[in-house]
Amino acid sequence: MKTISVLLLLSLALAVTGCNTVKGVGQDLQKAGEKIEDAAKKK
């Protein structure tokens, strides 16, 4: 469980530094959600 928590925190840190802003994170999450939604519609 500790390893999973560390990996989750590292990936979150990378995502935040890649976007540089909370707004950027929100946009990235929205785009990811749209892609998942599109993939679900195709099936």
N, C-alpha and C. Protein backbone atom coordinates (compact mmCIF):
# COMPACT_ATOMS: atom_id res chain seq x y z
N MET A 1 0.83 -1.19 0.00
CA MET A 1 0.00 0.00 0.00
C MET A 1 0.87 1.25 0.00
N LYS A 2 1.97 1.20 0.74
CA LYS A 2 2.87 2.35 0.81
C LYS A 2 3.47 2.65 -0.57
N THR A 3 3.82 1.62 -1.31
CA THR A 3 4.39 1.79 -2.64
C THR A 3 3.39 2.44 -3.59
N ILE A 4 2.15 2.00 -3.51
CA ILE A 4 1.11 2.57 -4.37
C ILE A 4 0.91 4.05 -4.04
N SER A 5 0.92 4.39 -2.77
CA SER A 5 0.76 5.78 -2.36
C SER A 5 1.89 6.65 -2.88
N VAL A 6 3.11 6.14 -2.79
CA VAL A 6 4.28 6.89 -3.27
C VAL A 6 4.18 7.10 -4.78
N LEU A 7 3.83 6.05 -5.51
CA LEU A 7 3.70 6.17 -6.96
C LEU A 7 2.60 7.15 -7.35
N LEU A 8 1.51 7.12 -6.63
CA LEU A 8 0.41 8.04 -6.89
C LEU A 8 0.84 9.49 -6.65
N LEU A 9 1.54 9.73 -5.57
CA LEU A 9 2.02 11.08 -5.27
C LEU A 9 3.02 11.56 -6.31
N LEU A 10 3.90 10.68 -6.74
CA LEU A 10 4.88 11.06 -7.77
C LEU A 10 4.20 11.41 -9.08
N SER A 11 3.24 10.60 -9.48
CA SER A 11 2.56 10.88 -10.74
C SER A 11 1.74 12.17 -10.64
N LEU A 12 1.14 12.43 -9.50
CA LEU A 12 0.41 13.67 -9.29
C LEU A 12 1.37 14.87 -9.36
N ALA A 13 2.52 14.74 -8.75
CA ALA A 13 3.51 15.82 -8.78
C ALA A 13 3.96 16.10 -10.20
N LEU A 14 4.19 15.06 -10.98
CA LEU A 14 4.60 15.24 -12.37
C LEU A 14 3.50 15.92 -13.18
N ALA A 15 2.26 15.53 -12.95
CA ALA A 15 1.14 16.13 -13.68
C ALA A 15 1.01 17.61 -13.34
N VAL A 16 1.15 17.94 -12.08
CA VAL A 16 1.01 19.34 -11.65
C VAL A 16 2.16 20.19 -12.20
N THR A 17 3.38 19.68 -12.17
CA THR A 17 4.50 20.46 -12.68
C THR A 17 4.44 20.57 -14.20
N GLY A 18 3.86 19.59 -14.86
CA GLY A 18 3.72 19.65 -16.31
C GLY A 18 2.72 20.70 -16.73
N CYS A 19 1.71 20.92 -15.95
CA CYS A 19 0.66 21.89 -16.29
C CYS A 19 0.96 23.28 -15.76
N ASN A 20 1.65 23.34 -14.65
CA ASN A 20 2.05 24.59 -13.99
C ASN A 20 0.90 25.35 -13.32
N THR A 21 -0.34 25.03 -13.62
CA THR A 21 -1.45 25.74 -12.98
C THR A 21 -2.58 24.78 -12.68
N VAL A 22 -3.41 25.15 -11.75
CA VAL A 22 -4.58 24.34 -11.42
C VAL A 22 -5.53 24.33 -12.62
N LYS A 23 -5.62 25.46 -13.30
CA LYS A 23 -6.47 25.54 -14.49
C LYS A 23 -5.99 24.54 -15.55
N GLY A 24 -4.70 24.44 -15.72
CA GLY A 24 -4.13 23.49 -16.68
C GLY A 24 -4.46 22.06 -16.30
N VAL A 25 -4.39 21.75 -15.02
CA VAL A 25 -4.74 20.40 -14.55
C VAL A 25 -6.20 20.11 -14.86
N GLY A 26 -7.06 21.07 -14.62
CA GLY A 26 -8.48 20.90 -14.92
C GLY A 26 -8.72 20.66 -16.39
N GLN A 27 -8.02 21.37 -17.24
CA GLN A 27 -8.17 21.18 -18.68
C GLN A 27 -7.68 19.80 -19.10
N ASP A 28 -6.57 19.36 -18.53
CA ASP A 28 -6.04 18.04 -18.86
C ASP A 28 -7.02 16.95 -18.43
N LEU A 29 -7.58 17.08 -17.25
CA LEU A 29 -8.54 16.10 -16.77
C LEU A 29 -9.79 16.08 -17.64
N GLN A 30 -10.21 17.25 -18.09
CA GLN A 30 -11.38 17.33 -18.95
C GLN A 30 -11.12 16.63 -20.28
N LYS A 31 -9.95 16.86 -20.86
CA LYS A 31 -9.60 16.21 -22.12
C LYS A 31 -9.53 14.70 -21.96
N ALA A 32 -8.95 14.25 -20.84
CA ALA A 32 -8.86 12.82 -20.59
C ALA A 32 -10.26 12.22 -20.44
N GLY A 33 -11.14 12.92 -19.75
CA GLY A 33 -12.51 12.46 -19.59
C GLY A 33 -13.24 12.37 -20.92
N GLU A 34 -12.99 13.34 -21.80
CA GLU A 34 -13.63 13.32 -23.12
C GLU A 34 -13.16 12.13 -23.94
N LYS A 35 -11.87 11.82 -23.85
CA LYS A 35 -11.34 10.67 -24.60
C LYS A 35 -11.92 9.36 -24.08
N ILE A 36 -12.06 9.25 -22.78
CA ILE A 36 -12.65 8.05 -22.19
C ILE A 36 -14.11 7.94 -22.61
N GLU A 37 -14.81 9.06 -22.61
CA GLU A 37 -16.22 9.07 -23.01
C GLU A 37 -16.36 8.67 -24.48
N ASP A 38 -15.49 9.18 -25.33
CA ASP A 38 -15.52 8.83 -26.75
C ASP A 38 -15.26 7.34 -26.96
N ALA A 39 -14.29 6.81 -26.21
CA ALA A 39 -13.95 5.39 -26.32
C ALA A 39 -15.13 4.53 -25.87
N ALA A 40 -15.84 4.98 -24.83
CA ALA A 40 -16.99 4.23 -24.32
C ALA A 40 -18.14 4.25 -25.34
N LYS A 41 -18.29 5.35 -26.05
CA LYS A 41 -19.36 5.46 -27.05
C LYS A 41 -19.10 4.56 -28.24
N LYS A 42 -17.83 4.32 -28.57
CA LYS A 42 -17.48 3.49 -29.72
C LYS A 42 -17.78 2.02 -29.46
N LYS A 43 -17.81 1.60 -28.21
CA LYS A 43 -18.03 0.18 -27.90
C LYS A 43 -19.47 -0.18 -27.83
